[in-house]
């Protein structure tokens, strides 16, 4: 499934709700479904700056794809990061780097979050794209060496 197809699914899911209270509850449920991050990744270096709550994000390069895991001490933030992981995890570095993530605006996420949570959302996206850039650079360099 492409990033765009995953985004379309999320947009369709959010269209099922009449108001933002229902959408927040859905985000909270998504937060509860976020798979546990390995405790060894809950380090200061994996902590995302700019978030109101603590968010740890880990990226790994597996068989040419970037796989993310995360955790947060706030359930709504867990839901937000779970949305991003659902869209971006398991894709190539170029797919992640090039992703426009228009679903964020289409579901009204940024406009309905507090300014600090909205900043945190932007920081999470930025960190995920930075992981992809770093993995791309590392693996392109390895290919040149071969």
C-alpha atoms as a PDB file:
ATOM      1  CA  UNK A   1       0.000   0.000   0.000  1.00  0.00           C
ATOM      2  CA  UNK A   2       1.419   3.405  -0.960  1.00  0.00           C
ATOM      3  CA  UNK A   3       1.720   6.360   1.392  1.00  0.00           C
ATOM      4  CA  UNK A   4      -1.032   8.125  -0.555  1.00  0.00           C
ATOM      5  CA  UNK A   5      -3.358   5.112  -0.198  1.00  0.00           C
ATOM      6  CA  UNK A   6      -2.715   5.013   3.554  1.00  0.00           C
ATOM      7  CA  UNK A   7      -3.441   8.733   3.775  1.00  0.00           C
ATOM      8  CA  UNK A   8      -6.720   8.250   1.855  1.00  0.00           C
ATOM      9  CA  UNK A   9      -7.743   5.512   4.319  1.00  0.00           C
ATOM     10  CA  UNK A  10      -7.098   7.807   7.281  1.00  0.00           C
ATOM     11  CA  UNK A  11      -9.024  10.678   5.671  1.00  0.00           C
ATOM     12  CA  UNK A  12     -11.968   8.311   5.101  1.00  0.00           C
ATOM     13  CA  UNK A  13     -11.811   7.101   8.719  1.00  0.00           C
ATOM     14  CA  UNK A  14     -11.891  10.661  10.069  1.00  0.00           C
ATOM     15  CA  UNK A  15     -14.833  11.548   7.809  1.00  0.00           C
ATOM     16  CA  UNK A  16     -16.898   9.036   9.803  1.00  0.00           C
ATOM     17  CA  UNK A  17     -16.854  11.364  12.813  1.00  0.00           C
ATOM     18  CA  UNK A  18     -19.204  14.305  13.228  1.00  0.00           C
ATOM     19  CA  UNK A  19     -17.122  16.465  15.542  1.00  0.00           C
ATOM     20  CA  UNK A  20     -13.656  16.896  16.941  1.00  0.00           C
ATOM     21  CA  UNK A  21     -14.494  15.323  20.295  1.00  0.00           C
ATOM     22  CA  UNK A  22     -15.125  12.046  18.465  1.00  0.00           C
ATOM     23  CA  UNK A  23     -11.899  12.509  16.470  1.00  0.00           C
ATOM     24  CA  UNK A  24      -9.922  13.116  19.684  1.00  0.00           C
ATOM     25  CA  UNK A  25     -11.408   9.949  21.152  1.00  0.00           C
ATOM     26  CA  UNK A  26     -10.342   8.079  18.025  1.00  0.00           C
ATOM     27  CA  UNK A  27      -6.795   9.447  18.401  1.00  0.00           C
ATOM     28  CA  UNK A  28      -6.796   8.312  22.026  1.00  0.00           C
ATOM     29  CA  UNK A  29      -7.863   4.817  20.942  1.00  0.00           C
ATOM     30  CA  UNK A  30      -5.094   4.818  18.330  1.00  0.00           C
ATOM     31  CA  UNK A  31      -2.673   5.796  21.087  1.00  0.00           C
ATOM     32  CA  UNK A  32      -3.707   2.765  23.095  1.00  0.00           C
ATOM     33  CA  UNK A  33      -2.993   0.598  20.030  1.00  0.00           C
ATOM     34  CA  UNK A  34       0.555   1.909  19.540  1.00  0.00           C
ATOM     35  CA  UNK A  35       2.903  -1.081  19.851  1.00  0.00           C
ATOM     36  CA  UNK A  36       5.337  -0.764  22.734  1.00  0.00           C
ATOM     37  CA  UNK A  37       8.755   0.574  21.838  1.00  0.00           C
ATOM     38  CA  UNK A  38      11.693  -1.430  23.128  1.00  0.00           C
ATOM     39  CA  UNK A  39      12.748   0.141  26.438  1.00  0.00           C
ATOM     40  CA  UNK A  40      16.341   0.461  25.186  1.00  0.00           C
ATOM     41  CA  UNK A  41      15.131   3.133  22.710  1.00  0.00           C
ATOM     42  CA  UNK A  42      13.578   5.350  25.377  1.00  0.00           C
ATOM     43  CA  UNK A  43      16.722   7.457  25.533  1.00  0.00           C
ATOM     44  CA  UNK A  44      17.409  11.159  25.468  1.00  0.00           C
ATOM     45  CA  UNK A  45      18.797  10.868  21.920  1.00  0.00           C
ATOM     46  CA  UNK A  46      15.436   9.485  20.703  1.00  0.00           C
ATOM     47  CA  UNK A  47      13.399  12.153  22.484  1.00  0.00           C
ATOM     48  CA  UNK A  48      11.740  14.572  20.074  1.00  0.00           C
ATOM     49  CA  UNK A  49      12.252  18.214  20.944  1.00  0.00           C
ATOM     50  CA  UNK A  50       9.394  20.640  20.509  1.00  0.00           C
ATOM     51  CA  UNK A  51       6.705  18.348  21.912  1.00  0.00           C
ATOM     52  CA  UNK A  52       4.551  19.233  24.907  1.00  0.00           C
ATOM     53  CA  UNK A  53       4.912  15.684  26.185  1.00  0.00           C
ATOM     54  CA  UNK A  54       7.757  13.197  25.962  1.00  0.00           C
ATOM     55  CA  UNK A  55       7.881  11.397  22.617  1.00  0.00           C
ATOM     56  CA  UNK A  56      10.531   8.830  21.795  1.00  0.00           C
ATOM     57  CA  UNK A  57      10.972   7.909  18.141  1.00  0.00           C
ATOM     58  CA  UNK A  58      13.229   5.184  16.790  1.00  0.00           C
ATOM     59  CA  UNK A  59      13.886   4.404  13.157  1.00  0.00           C
ATOM     60  CA  UNK A  60      15.542   1.297  11.750  1.00  0.00           C
ATOM     61  CA  UNK A  61      16.581   0.420   8.218  1.00  0.00           C
ATOM     62  CA  UNK A  62      15.286  -3.056   7.388  1.00  0.00           C
ATOM     63  CA  UNK A  63      15.542  -4.592   3.906  1.00  0.00           C
ATOM     64  CA  UNK A  64      15.591  -1.224   2.161  1.00  0.00           C
ATOM     65  CA  UNK A  65      12.693   0.222   4.152  1.00  0.00           C
ATOM     66  CA  UNK A  66      12.489   2.462   7.216  1.00  0.00           C
ATOM     67  CA  UNK A  67      10.594   1.010  10.166  1.00  0.00           C
ATOM     68  CA  UNK A  68       9.552   3.302  12.997  1.00  0.00           C
ATOM     69  CA  UNK A  69       8.604   2.657  16.585  1.00  0.00           C
ATOM     70  CA  UNK A  70       7.627   5.230  19.181  1.00  0.00           C
ATOM     71  CA  UNK A  71       6.163   5.923  22.584  1.00  0.00           C
ATOM     72  CA  UNK A  72       4.856   8.906  24.487  1.00  0.00           C
ATOM     73  CA  UNK A  73       3.770   9.658  28.018  1.00  0.00           C
ATOM     74  CA  UNK A  74       0.559  11.269  26.684  1.00  0.00           C
ATOM     75  CA  UNK A  75      -2.127   9.110  25.107  1.00  0.00           C
ATOM     76  CA  UNK A  76      -3.264  11.674  22.497  1.00  0.00           C
ATOM     77  CA  UNK A  77       0.342  12.153  21.413  1.00  0.00           C
ATOM     78  CA  UNK A  78       0.656   8.380  21.133  1.00  0.00           C
ATOM     79  CA  UNK A  79      -2.319   8.480  18.781  1.00  0.00           C
ATOM     80  CA  UNK A  80      -0.728  11.197  16.654  1.00  0.00           C
ATOM     81  CA  UNK A  81       2.597   9.376  16.370  1.00  0.00           C
ATOM     82  CA  UNK A  82       0.740   6.125  15.654  1.00  0.00           C
ATOM     83  CA  UNK A  83      -0.972   7.862  12.696  1.00  0.00           C
ATOM     84  CA  UNK A  84       2.408   8.976  11.348  1.00  0.00           C
ATOM     85  CA  UNK A  85       3.938   5.532  11.827  1.00  0.00           C
ATOM     86  CA  UNK A  86       0.965   3.948  10.096  1.00  0.00           C
ATOM     87  CA  UNK A  87       1.546   6.169   7.057  1.00  0.00           C
ATOM     88  CA  UNK A  88       5.355   6.246   6.849  1.00  0.00           C
ATOM     89  CA  UNK A  89       6.716   3.054   8.401  1.00  0.00           C
ATOM     90  CA  UNK A  90       7.680   0.313   5.978  1.00  0.00           C
ATOM     91  CA  UNK A  91       8.458   2.635   3.083  1.00  0.00           C
ATOM     92  CA  UNK A  92      11.674   3.479   1.288  1.00  0.00           C
ATOM     93  CA  UNK A  93      13.775   6.476   2.211  1.00  0.00           C
ATOM     94  CA  UNK A  94      12.745   8.326  -0.957  1.00  0.00           C
ATOM     95  CA  UNK A  95       9.042   7.660  -0.379  1.00  0.00           C
ATOM     96  CA  UNK A  96       9.296   9.080   3.146  1.00  0.00           C
ATOM     97  CA  UNK A  97      11.391  12.076   2.101  1.00  0.00           C
ATOM     98  CA  UNK A  98       8.994  12.897  -0.759  1.00  0.00           C
ATOM     99  CA  UNK A  99       5.777  12.334   1.247  1.00  0.00           C
ATOM    100  CA  UNK A 100       3.600  15.447   1.327  1.00  0.00           C
ATOM    101  CA  UNK A 101       1.412  14.159   4.184  1.00  0.00           C
ATOM    102  CA  UNK A 102      -1.593  16.141   3.029  1.00  0.00           C
ATOM    103  CA  UNK A 103      -3.848  14.041   5.242  1.00  0.00           C
ATOM    104  CA  UNK A 104      -2.722  16.113   8.254  1.00  0.00           C
ATOM    105  CA  UNK A 105      -4.449  19.196   6.845  1.00  0.00           C
ATOM    106  CA  UNK A 106      -7.341  17.300   5.250  1.00  0.00           C
ATOM    107  CA  UNK A 107      -8.429  15.789   8.568  1.00  0.00           C
ATOM    108  CA  UNK A 108      -7.910  19.163  10.304  1.00  0.00           C
ATOM    109  CA  UNK A 109      -5.352  17.789  12.717  1.00  0.00           C
ATOM    110  CA  UNK A 110      -3.023  20.791  12.958  1.00  0.00           C
ATOM    111  CA  UNK A 111      -5.817  23.313  13.341  1.00  0.00           C
ATOM    112  CA  UNK A 112      -7.480  21.372  16.173  1.00  0.00           C
ATOM    113  CA  UNK A 113      -4.365  20.770  18.234  1.00  0.00           C
ATOM    114  CA  UNK A 114      -2.977  23.167  20.800  1.00  0.00           C
ATOM    115  CA  UNK A 115      -0.031  25.200  19.468  1.00  0.00           C
ATOM    116  CA  UNK A 116       2.448  23.077  21.433  1.00  0.00           C
ATOM    117  CA  UNK A 117       0.924  19.806  20.175  1.00  0.00           C
ATOM    118  CA  UNK A 118       0.890  21.197  16.646  1.00  0.00           C
ATOM    119  CA  UNK A 119       4.592  22.049  17.000  1.00  0.00           C
ATOM    120  CA  UNK A 120       5.164  18.530  18.286  1.00  0.00           C
ATOM    121  CA  UNK A 121       3.419  17.076  15.230  1.00  0.00           C
ATOM    122  CA  UNK A 122       5.694  19.079  12.950  1.00  0.00           C
ATOM    123  CA  UNK A 123       8.723  17.933  14.981  1.00  0.00           C
ATOM    124  CA  UNK A 124       7.672  14.277  14.677  1.00  0.00           C
ATOM    125  CA  UNK A 125       7.308  14.558  10.893  1.00  0.00           C
ATOM    126  CA  UNK A 126      10.639  16.356  10.633  1.00  0.00           C
ATOM    127  CA  UNK A 127      12.387  13.668  12.707  1.00  0.00           C
ATOM    128  CA  UNK A 128      10.912  10.851  10.619  1.00  0.00           C
ATOM    129  CA  UNK A 129      12.116  12.533   7.429  1.00  0.00           C
ATOM    130  CA  UNK A 130      15.545  13.100   9.017  1.00  0.00           C
ATOM    131  CA  UNK A 131      15.783   9.380   9.772  1.00  0.00           C
ATOM    132  CA  UNK A 132      14.993   8.667   6.120  1.00  0.00           C
ATOM    133  CA  UNK A 133      17.602  11.177   4.932  1.00  0.00           C
ATOM    134  CA  UNK A 134      20.246   9.714   7.238  1.00  0.00           C
ATOM    135  CA  UNK A 135      19.530   6.131   6.152  1.00  0.00           C
ATOM    136  CA  UNK A 136      19.564   7.189   2.506  1.00  0.00           C
ATOM    137  CA  UNK A 137      22.929   8.923   2.859  1.00  0.00           C
ATOM    138  CA  UNK A 138      24.427   6.026   4.801  1.00  0.00           C
ATOM    139  CA  UNK A 139      23.292   3.363   2.351  1.00  0.00           C
ATOM    140  CA  UNK A 140      24.199   5.371  -0.753  1.00  0.00           C
ATOM    141  CA  UNK A 141      27.704   5.775   0.685  1.00  0.00           C
ATOM    142  CA  UNK A 142      27.910   2.026   1.323  1.00  0.00           C
ATOM    143  CA  UNK A 143      26.894   1.340  -2.287  1.00  0.00           C
ATOM    144  CA  UNK A 144      29.632   3.685  -3.549  1.00  0.00           C
ATOM    145  CA  UNK A 145      32.219   1.850  -1.459  1.00  0.00           C
ATOM    146  CA  UNK A 146      31.273  -1.529  -2.994  1.00  0.00           C
END
